[in-house]
Amino acid sequence: MDQLLLLVLLIGALVLFASERVRADLVSLGLLLCLMLTGIVNVQEGFSGFASPAVITVVCMFILSGGLVRTGVADELAGWVVARGLRGTLSLTVVLMLMVGVMSSFMNNIAAVTILMPSVFAIAQRTGVPVTKLLMPLAFGSLMGGLSTLVGTPPNLLASEALSNAGYAPFKMFDYLPTGISVFLIGLTYFIAIGSRLVPVRTPAAAPDEGVSLRHYVTEAVVPKGSTLIGRSVEQARLRDMAGVTVLRIHRAYNSDRGETVEDRPWLRFGRYGRDEEDGTYSFLPWPEATFEAEDHVQLEGDPSQLLQKQGRGWLEIPEANRGAADALLIGEVALAPGSRALGTSLGEANFQARYGVHVLGLRRNGRQQDDRLNQLRLEPGDVLLVQGSAAALGELSHNPDFLVVNRLAGAARDHRKRWIAVGVMAVTVLAAASGLIHISVAALAGVLLMVGSGCMPVRDMYAQVDWRVVFMIAALMPLSLAMDANHTGAAQSLADSLLFVTGGGSPYLAMIAVILLTVGLTQMMSNAACVVLVAPIAIRMAEGLGVEPHGFAMAVAIAASTAFLTPVGHQANMLVYGVGNYRFNDFIKVGGPLALLVVITALLIVPVVWPFTP
């Protein structure tokens, strides 16, 4: 009965993971609560994940990665690429993939992509290579690079933890290296041969003299009292000719005292008319004869730099825009980092002006301008904001782990004086863990204390480096392996027996194919960490049922969990470049499909050699 109940809970969780209607960490916490309420696991077992060495290691690696970011270690590497003067798409792709692959081996791959993305835009601007030709290889390179070490990505740690929980020796720091290097080299060869040509050109590189990408954005401006636009019609204002912007919609305060109706405004008949009872406004698509009135809120599409010039002349005003000399203000594009605390909040609730000292001028989602009232829009993963603020404010924003400043901006300097200390701390941490003298979680914790004690990571910023959504999701899912074992429901064994029956139950190769395909399919829809927690115990039981060594099966699960190339939602790195790079959903299938197939074939060929089925 408990086994059936657990399977029902698992199916429900998988549906919620795939639908993305509920955040993954909340789904995981809900599943944990159900496991404890139904008695499948007790309270001590349920909360054991929060004390798991794997979870502690993940937290510490976030902080260690943050130390490398703040000291400018990766910036130095990116600057080296720019200084080399490479110009060809292929050569840039190879160098960037190698760089992000090495970085992802020892730090969180999201952090690696986040660090290098501004440099990718700078390189694209200098060389004229379309930035979309470089962003997707960057994301995929980070996923493959993370397969080379135990700390490269959470799935590696979780696969090792699954072995330990089953009574087997866990993986060591560099046990992943032979398979990880093989997968990465195959992926790199794929992009050199055909992958780079499959990556689409969606947006041109930004103008090199601007320093930021000033694509057309939708923004909202106010007609101030005394503006020369008051009383002039849309046609007479000639905003497209004079300011390079197009009027999309006008929002106007509803005045019941003057009894105005649609009949009083004949041009309203030619456009959609709507009234917002909450804020007392009505809006309409303007007919050329529609006249501007004081305090009108006007939605505009166009070059934001042109709009700022008109603001200075008093034509239009951006609400709450930063005041000061024009040369003291900067415009930049800011992407929401995966796990950002701003996700799910509206722009009004986020209050960028008060919290961060910048004003949001516009928002792009899935490569499209958002025409709704900006303050009412709820922020989603992949959103890109156009913001205006001082160099200092944008510099502070670049240090905030909730955001990614896409373009290089003044004020975003790092403390380069301590970069070698940060490198030394990371090297000592890795070597200590690799030596086997101390557990990797202890080595990582010691590294965090050294990073903070040396001043590479300020104490006030330490916890902000951690993506707590990922941490809580992993910790909440850890007891799932306990719930599936023989001492609880035995679900892992039952599912393993079912898969063995489907594959004939005789060939470990067929069994490994089934495990890999199952994991690859799941990781396109849900977190790769969740995939490993779910599939690794089943894979280990399958190996035991076949009488073969289980380490190869656990390794295969870890590799397959990082093969999230088919959809933008498969991994946070994909989601990051999806929004910024203006890709389409099908682009990931076209480029990632052949790559995923190659990775699967490589895993099937390499894993049994490195980890033989017979010890």
Foldseek 3Di string as FASTA:
>chain_A
DLLVVLVVLVVVLLVCLQVVPDFLLVSLLVSLVVCCVVPLDHPCLQQVLLVDLLLLLQLLLLLLLLLLLQQCVVVVVLVVVVVVVDADLLVLLLSLLVSLLQVLCQHPSLSSLLSCLQSLLLNCQVRFPQSLLRQLSNLLSSLLSLQQFCSSYSLSVLLQVLCVVVPHHGDFGGLRRVLSVLLNVLLSVCCNPPLSVLRDRDDTRAHNVQLARQDKAKFKWFFAPPAPQAPPFQLRVPCCVQQVKDWAKKKDADDVVVPDDCVNVVQQVVWDWAADPVVRIIMTGGDRRDGDHGGIITIMIGGVVSVVVVCVVNNIGHPLADDDDPVQKGKFKKAFAVLAPQAFAALLVVPCCVPQVKDWGFKFFLNHGDPPDRRGDGDHQLMMTIIMGGLCSVLVVCSQNRMRGSGDTHNVDHNNVCSVVSVVLSVQLSVVRNVVPDPSSVSSVVSSCSSCVVPSRPPVCSSSSRSVSVSSSLSSLQSVLVSCPPVRNVNLLVVLVVLCVVQVVADVLSSLLVLLVVLLVSLLRRQLSNSLSPRSSNQQSNLVSNVFDSPLSSSSSSLSSSLNQQALVSDSSSSNCSSVVSDDGRSSNSSSVVSSVSSSVSSSVPSCVSGPRHD
